[in-house]
Amino acid sequence: MRYATHEDMKAIRAHVSDEDFRRAIDAAPPGIVDPRSWAYWNLMLGRYPAPPLPVRAL
Protein backbone atom coordinates (compact mmCIF):
# COMPACT_ATOMS: atom_id res chain seq x y z
CA MET A 1 0.00 0.00 0.00
CA ARG A 2 2.85 2.34 0.71
CA TYR A 3 4.44 2.14 -2.75
CA ALA A 4 1.43 1.10 -4.81
CA THR A 5 0.20 3.38 -7.55
CA HIS A 6 -3.44 4.26 -7.95
CA GLU A 7 -3.68 1.66 -10.73
CA ASP A 8 -2.07 -0.98 -8.50
CA MET A 9 -4.58 -0.34 -5.74
CA LYS A 10 -7.51 -0.36 -8.18
CA ALA A 11 -6.41 -3.81 -9.38
CA ILE A 12 -5.98 -5.10 -5.82
CA ARG A 13 -9.31 -3.67 -4.63
CA ALA A 14 -11.08 -5.39 -7.55
CA HIS A 15 -10.04 -8.76 -6.06
CA VAL A 16 -9.90 -8.12 -2.31
CA SER A 17 -12.97 -7.48 -0.17
CA ASP A 18 -13.09 -4.73 2.45
CA GLU A 19 -13.07 -7.38 5.17
CA ASP A 20 -9.97 -9.04 3.72
CA PHE A 21 -8.31 -5.64 3.43
CA ARG A 22 -9.15 -4.87 7.09
CA ARG A 23 -7.61 -8.17 8.15
CA ALA A 24 -4.47 -7.40 6.16
CA ILE A 25 -4.14 -3.98 7.80
CA ASP A 26 -4.79 -5.42 11.25
CA ALA A 27 -2.06 -8.02 10.70
CA ALA A 28 0.51 -5.57 9.29
CA PRO A 29 3.81 -5.82 11.13
CA PRO A 30 5.30 -2.65 12.61
CA GLY A 31 7.11 -0.46 10.11
CA ILE A 32 5.39 -1.81 6.98
CA VAL A 33 2.74 0.91 6.62
CA ASP A 34 3.75 4.56 6.97
CA PRO A 35 1.53 6.87 9.11
CA ARG A 36 -0.02 8.65 6.13
CA SER A 37 -1.02 5.40 4.40
CA TRP A 38 -2.26 3.98 7.71
CA ALA A 39 -4.56 6.95 8.28
CA TYR A 40 -5.78 6.96 4.66
CA TRP A 41 -6.60 3.26 4.39
CA ASN A 42 -8.27 3.11 7.77
CA LEU A 43 -10.41 6.09 6.73
CA MET A 44 -11.29 4.36 3.42
CA LEU A 45 -12.43 1.33 5.44
CA GLY A 46 -14.66 3.44 7.70
CA ARG A 47 -12.33 3.56 10.68
CA TYR A 48 -11.97 7.12 11.92
CA PRO A 49 -10.02 7.87 13.91
CA ALA A 50 -7.57 5.21 12.84
CA PRO A 51 -6.35 2.79 15.48
CA PRO A 52 -2.76 3.26 16.60
CA LEU A 53 -0.03 2.14 14.24
CA PRO A 54 1.61 -1.17 15.15
CA VAL A 55 4.78 -0.57 17.14
CA ARG A 56 7.88 -2.66 17.66
CA ALA A 57 8.42 -4.07 21.11
CA LEU A 58 12.08 -4.07 22.08
PDB file of N, CA and C in Angstrom:
ATOM      1  N   MET A   1       0.818  -1.195   0.000  1.00  0.00           N
ATOM      2  CA  MET A   1       0.000   0.000   0.000  1.00  0.00           C
ATOM      3  C   MET A   1       0.859   1.256   0.000  1.00  0.00           C
ATOM      4  N   ARG A   2       2.000   1.159   0.595  1.00  0.00           N
ATOM      5  CA  ARG A   2       2.851   2.341   0.707  1.00  0.00           C
ATOM      6  C   ARG A   2       3.407   2.773  -0.649  1.00  0.00           C
ATOM      7  N   TYR A   3       3.807   1.819  -1.475  1.00  0.00           N
ATOM      8  CA  TYR A   3       4.438   2.144  -2.750  1.00  0.00           C
ATOM      9  C   TYR A   3       3.543   1.882  -3.958  1.00  0.00           C
ATOM     10  N   ALA A   4       2.332   1.426  -3.711  1.00  0.00           N
ATOM     11  CA  ALA A   4       1.428   1.105  -4.809  1.00  0.00           C
ATOM     12  C   ALA A   4       0.932   2.371  -5.499  1.00  0.00           C
ATOM     13  N   THR A   5       0.795   2.290  -6.798  1.00  0.00           N
ATOM     14  CA  THR A   5       0.199   3.381  -7.548  1.00  0.00           C
ATOM     15  C   THR A   5      -1.321   3.274  -7.450  1.00  0.00           C
ATOM     16  N   HIS A   6      -1.983   4.301  -7.927  1.00  0.00           N
ATOM     17  CA  HIS A   6      -3.444   4.264  -7.950  1.00  0.00           C
ATOM     18  C   HIS A   6      -3.936   3.069  -8.762  1.00  0.00           C
ATOM     19  N   GLU A   7      -3.291   2.798  -9.884  1.00  0.00           N
ATOM     20  CA  GLU A   7      -3.683   1.665 -10.733  1.00  0.00           C
ATOM     21  C   GLU A   7      -3.443   0.336 -10.016  1.00  0.00           C
ATOM     22  N   ASP A   8      -2.340   0.236  -9.279  1.00  0.00           N
ATOM     23  CA  ASP A   8      -2.065  -0.976  -8.500  1.00  0.00           C
ATOM     24  C   ASP A   8      -3.183  -1.224  -7.497  1.00  0.00           C
ATOM     25  N   MET A   9      -3.555  -0.176  -6.768  1.00  0.00           N
ATOM     26  CA  MET A   9      -4.583  -0.342  -5.737  1.00  0.00           C
ATOM     27  C   MET A   9      -5.944  -0.624  -6.345  1.00  0.00           C
ATOM     28  N   LYS A  10      -6.248  -0.045  -7.504  1.00  0.00           N
ATOM     29  CA  LYS A  10      -7.506  -0.362  -8.180  1.00  0.00           C
ATOM     30  C   LYS A  10      -7.561  -1.847  -8.513  1.00  0.00           C
ATOM     31  N   ALA A  11      -6.463  -2.386  -9.021  1.00  0.00           N
ATOM     32  CA  ALA A  11      -6.412  -3.806  -9.376  1.00  0.00           C
ATOM     33  C   ALA A  11      -6.564  -4.680  -8.135  1.00  0.00           C
ATOM     34  N   ILE A  12      -5.880  -4.330  -7.066  1.00  0.00           N
ATOM     35  CA  ILE A  12      -5.981  -5.099  -5.822  1.00  0.00           C
ATOM     36  C   ILE A  12      -7.398  -5.046  -5.273  1.00  0.00           C
ATOM     37  N   ARG A  13      -7.970  -3.843  -5.212  1.00  0.00           N
ATOM     38  CA  ARG A  13      -9.308  -3.675  -4.634  1.00  0.00           C
ATOM     39  C   ARG A  13     -10.383  -4.392  -5.451  1.00  0.00           C
ATOM     40  N   ALA A  14     -10.118  -4.648  -6.725  1.00  0.00           N
ATOM     41  CA  ALA A  14     -11.078  -5.390  -7.547  1.00  0.00           C
ATOM     42  C   ALA A  14     -11.147  -6.855  -7.123  1.00  0.00           C
ATOM     43  N   HIS A  15     -10.118  -7.335  -6.424  1.00  0.00           N
ATOM     44  CA  HIS A  15     -10.043  -8.761  -6.064  1.00  0.00           C
ATOM     45  C   HIS A  15     -10.066  -9.014  -4.563  1.00  0.00           C
ATOM     46  N   VAL A  16      -9.984  -7.966  -3.765  1.00  0.00           N
ATOM     47  CA  VAL A  16      -9.904  -8.117  -2.312  1.00  0.00           C
ATOM     48  C   VAL A  16     -11.085  -7.389  -1.676  1.00  0.00           C
ATOM     49  N   SER A  17     -11.815  -8.098  -0.833  1.00  0.00           N
ATOM     50  CA  SER A  17     -12.970  -7.485  -0.168  1.00  0.00           C
ATOM     51  C   SER A  17     -12.510  -6.515   0.924  1.00  0.00           C
ATOM     52  N   ASP A  18     -13.416  -5.654   1.362  1.00  0.00           N
ATOM     53  CA  ASP A  18     -13.092  -4.728   2.453  1.00  0.00           C
ATOM     54  C   ASP A  18     -12.691  -5.502   3.701  1.00  0.00           C
ATOM     55  N   GLU A  19     -13.390  -6.590   3.980  1.00  0.00           N
ATOM     56  CA  GLU A  19     -13.074  -7.381   5.174  1.00  0.00           C
ATOM     57  C   GLU A  19     -11.673  -7.991   5.077  1.00  0.00           C
ATOM     58  N   ASP A  20     -11.318  -8.503   3.914  1.00  0.00           N
ATOM     59  CA  ASP A  20      -9.967  -9.042   3.720  1.00  0.00           C
ATOM     60  C   ASP A  20      -8.922  -7.936   3.856  1.00  0.00           C
ATOM     61  N   PHE A  21      -9.234  -6.767   3.343  1.00  0.00           N
ATOM     62  CA  PHE A  21      -8.306  -5.643   3.431  1.00  0.00           C
ATOM     63  C   PHE A  21      -8.135  -5.213   4.886  1.00  0.00           C
ATOM     64  N   ARG A  22      -9.235  -5.197   5.653  1.00  0.00           N
ATOM     65  CA  ARG A  22      -9.150  -4.874   7.087  1.00  0.00           C
ATOM     66  C   ARG A  22      -8.253  -5.866   7.814  1.00  0.00           C
ATOM     67  N   ARG A  23      -8.444  -7.147   7.516  1.00  0.00           N
ATOM     68  CA  ARG A  23      -7.611  -8.172   8.155  1.00  0.00           C
ATOM     69  C   ARG A  23      -6.140  -7.982   7.815  1.00  0.00           C
ATOM     70  N   ALA A  24      -5.857  -7.630   6.567  1.00  0.00           N
ATOM     71  CA  ALA A  24      -4.466  -7.402   6.165  1.00  0.00           C
ATOM     72  C   ALA A  24      -3.873  -6.219   6.920  1.00  0.00           C
ATOM     73  N   ILE A  25      -4.630  -5.150   7.057  1.00  0.00           N
ATOM     74  CA  ILE A  25      -4.137  -3.976   7.795  1.00  0.00           C
ATOM     75  C   ILE A  25      -3.938  -4.336   9.262  1.00  0.00           C
ATOM     76  N   ASP A  26      -4.895  -5.047   9.831  1.00  0.00           N
ATOM     77  CA  ASP A  26      -4.793  -5.420  11.245  1.00  0.00           C
ATOM     78  C   ASP A  26      -3.596  -6.321  11.517  1.00  0.00           C
ATOM     79  N   ALA A  27      -3.179  -7.094  10.527  1.00  0.00           N
ATOM     80  CA  ALA A  27      -2.058  -8.018  10.696  1.00  0.00           C
ATOM     81  C   ALA A  27      -0.726  -7.430  10.232  1.00  0.00           C
ATOM     82  N   ALA A  28      -0.723  -6.184   9.802  1.00  0.00           N
ATOM     83  CA  ALA A  28       0.512  -5.568   9.292  1.00  0.00           C
ATOM     84  C   ALA A  28       1.554  -5.478  10.396  1.00  0.00           C
ATOM     85  N   PRO A  29       2.757  -5.957  10.122  1.00  0.00           N
ATOM     86  CA  PRO A  29       3.811  -5.823  11.126  1.00  0.00           C
ATOM     87  C   PRO A  29       4.254  -4.365  11.270  1.00  0.00           C
ATOM     88  N   PRO A  30       4.816  -4.020  12.413  1.00  0.00           N
ATOM     89  CA  PRO A  30       5.299  -2.649  12.607  1.00  0.00           C
ATOM     90  C   PRO A  30       6.297  -2.250  11.527  1.00  0.00           C
ATOM     91  N   GLY A  31       6.173  -1.009  11.061  1.00  0.00           N
ATOM     92  CA  GLY A  31       7.114  -0.462  10.105  1.00  0.00           C
ATOM     93  C   GLY A  31       6.766  -0.708   8.646  1.00  0.00           C
ATOM     94  N   ILE A  32       5.752  -1.500   8.365  1.00  0.00           N
ATOM     95  CA  ILE A  32       5.387  -1.814   6.985  1.00  0.00           C
ATOM     96  C   ILE A  32       4.558  -0.692   6.369  1.00  0.00           C
ATOM     97  N   VAL A  33       3.633  -0.138   7.134  1.00  0.00           N
ATOM     98  CA  VAL A  33       2.745   0.908   6.624  1.00  0.00           C
ATOM     99  C   VAL A  33       3.147   2.237   7.269  1.00  0.00           C
ATOM    100  N   ASP A  34       3.382   3.252   6.442  1.00  0.00           N
ATOM    101  CA  ASP A  34       3.747   4.565   6.974  1.00  0.00           C
ATOM    102  C   ASP A  34       2.503   5.245   7.565  1.00  0.00           C
ATOM    103  N   PRO A  35       2.679   6.229   8.449  1.00  0.00           N
ATOM    104  CA  PRO A  35       1.535   6.865   9.114  1.00  0.00           C
ATOM    105  C   PRO A  35       0.497   7.450   8.158  1.00  0.00           C
ATOM    106  N   ARG A  36       0.933   8.049   7.071  1.00  0.00           N
ATOM    107  CA  ARG A  36      -0.019   8.654   6.128  1.00  0.00           C
ATOM    108  C   ARG A  36      -0.887   7.578   5.479  1.00  0.00           C
ATOM    109  N   SER A  37      -0.269   6.495   5.015  1.00  0.00           N
ATOM    110  CA  SER A  37      -1.025   5.398   4.402  1.00  0.00           C
ATOM    111  C   SER A  37      -1.941   4.736   5.422  1.00  0.00           C
ATOM    112  N   TRP A  38      -1.460   4.586   6.635  1.00  0.00           N
ATOM    113  CA  TRP A  38      -2.260   3.976   7.711  1.00  0.00           C
ATOM    114  C   TRP A  38      -3.543   4.779   7.934  1.00  0.00           C
ATOM    115  N   ALA A  39      -3.393   6.085   8.060  1.00  0.00           N
ATOM    116  CA  ALA A  39      -4.561   6.946   8.279  1.00  0.00           C
ATOM    117  C   ALA A  39      -5.506   6.889   7.078  1.00  0.00           C
ATOM    118  N   TYR A  40      -4.959   6.964   5.876  1.00  0.00           N
ATOM    119  CA  TYR A  40      -5.780   6.960   4.662  1.00  0.00           C
ATOM    120  C   TYR A  40      -6.569   5.663   4.525  1.00  0.00           C
ATOM    121  N   TRP A  41      -5.907   4.520   4.623  1.00  0.00           N
ATOM    122  CA  TRP A  41      -6.602   3.259   4.392  1.00  0.00           C
ATOM    123  C   TRP A  41      -7.582   2.919   5.496  1.00  0.00           C
ATOM    124  N   ASN A  42      -7.285   3.304   6.714  1.00  0.00           N
ATOM    125  CA  ASN A  42      -8.273   3.106   7.769  1.00  0.00           C
ATOM    126  C   ASN A  42      -9.495   3.977   7.516  1.00  0.00           C
ATOM    127  N   LEU A  43      -9.290   5.211   7.068  1.00  0.00           N
ATOM    128  CA  LEU A  43     -10.410   6.085   6.728  1.00  0.00           C
ATOM    129  C   LEU A  43     -11.238   5.480   5.592  1.00  0.00           C
ATOM    130  N   MET A  44     -10.580   4.965   4.558  1.00  0.00           N
ATOM    131  CA  MET A  44     -11.286   4.362   3.422  1.00  0.00           C
ATOM    132  C   MET A  44     -12.100   3.141   3.842  1.00  0.00           C
ATOM    133  N   LEU A  45     -11.708   2.510   4.940  1.00  0.00           N
ATOM    134  CA  LEU A  45     -12.426   1.334   5.437  1.00  0.00           C
ATOM    135  C   LEU A  45     -13.417   1.700   6.545  1.00  0.00           C
ATOM    136  N   GLY A  46     -13.647   2.996   6.732  1.00  0.00           N
ATOM    137  CA  GLY A  46     -14.656   3.437   7.696  1.00  0.00           C
ATOM    138  C   GLY A  46     -14.169   3.496   9.123  1.00  0.00           C
ATOM    139  N   ARG A  47     -12.872   3.496   9.319  1.00  0.00           N
ATOM    140  CA  ARG A  47     -12.334   3.563  10.683  1.00  0.00           C
ATOM    141  C   ARG A  47     -11.707   4.934  10.903  1.00  0.00           C
ATOM    142  N   TYR A  48     -12.469   5.805  11.579  1.00  0.00           N
ATOM    143  CA  TYR A  48     -11.972   7.124  11.925  1.00  0.00           C
ATOM    144  C   TYR A  48     -12.382   7.428  13.352  1.00  0.00           C
ATOM    145  N   PRO A  49     -11.449   7.773  14.189  1.00  0.00           N
ATOM    146  CA  PRO A  49     -10.021   7.872  13.909  1.00  0.00           C
ATOM    147  C   PRO A  49      -9.399   6.487  13.740  1.00  0.00           C
ATOM    148  N   ALA A  50      -8.280   6.472  13.067  1.00  0.00           N
ATOM    149  CA  ALA A  50      -7.573   5.210  12.837  1.00  0.00           C
ATOM    150  C   ALA A  50      -7.029   4.673  14.156  1.00  0.00           C
ATOM    151  N   PRO A  51      -6.991   3.357  14.288  1.00  0.00           N
ATOM    152  CA  PRO A  51      -6.353   2.792  15.480  1.00  0.00           C
ATOM    153  C   PRO A  51      -4.860   3.123  15.461  1.00  0.00           C
ATOM    154  N   PRO A  52      -4.194   2.966  16.590  1.00  0.00           N
ATOM    155  CA  PRO A  52      -2.759   3.265  16.604  1.00  0.00           C
ATOM    156  C   PRO A  52      -1.981   2.357  15.646  1.00  0.00           C
ATOM    157  N   LEU A  53      -0.924   2.926  15.078  1.00  0.00           N
ATOM    158  CA  LEU A  53      -0.028   2.142  14.242  1.00  0.00           C
ATOM    159  C   LEU A  53       0.607   1.019  15.061  1.00  0.00           C
ATOM    160  N   PRO A  54       0.872  -0.115  14.429  1.00  0.00           N
ATOM    161  CA  PRO A  54       1.606  -1.168  15.152  1.00  0.00           C
ATOM    162  C   PRO A  54       2.998  -0.643  15.520  1.00  0.00           C
ATOM    163  N   VAL A  55       3.463  -1.004  16.694  1.00  0.00           N
ATOM    164  CA  VAL A  55       4.783  -0.571  17.136  1.00  0.00           C
ATOM    165  C   VAL A  55       5.646  -1.788  17.467  1.00  0.00           C
ATOM    166  N   ARG A  56       6.932  -1.601  17.325  1.00  0.00           N
ATOM    167  CA  ARG A  56       7.883  -2.663  17.660  1.00  0.00           C
ATOM    168  C   ARG A  56       8.080  -2.693  19.164  1.00  0.00           C
ATOM    169  N   ALA A  57       8.126  -3.897  19.693  1.00  0.00           N
ATOM    170  CA  ALA A  57       8.418  -4.070  21.110  1.00  0.00           C
ATOM    171  C   ALA A  57       9.865  -4.524  21.236  1.00  0.00           C
ATOM    172  N   LEU A  58      10.665  -3.726  21.899  1.00  0.00           N
ATOM    173  CA  LEU A  58      12.075  -4.075  22.079  1.00  0.00           C
ATOM    174  C   LEU A  58      12.333  -4.573  23.474  1.00  0.00           C
TER     175      LEU A  58
END
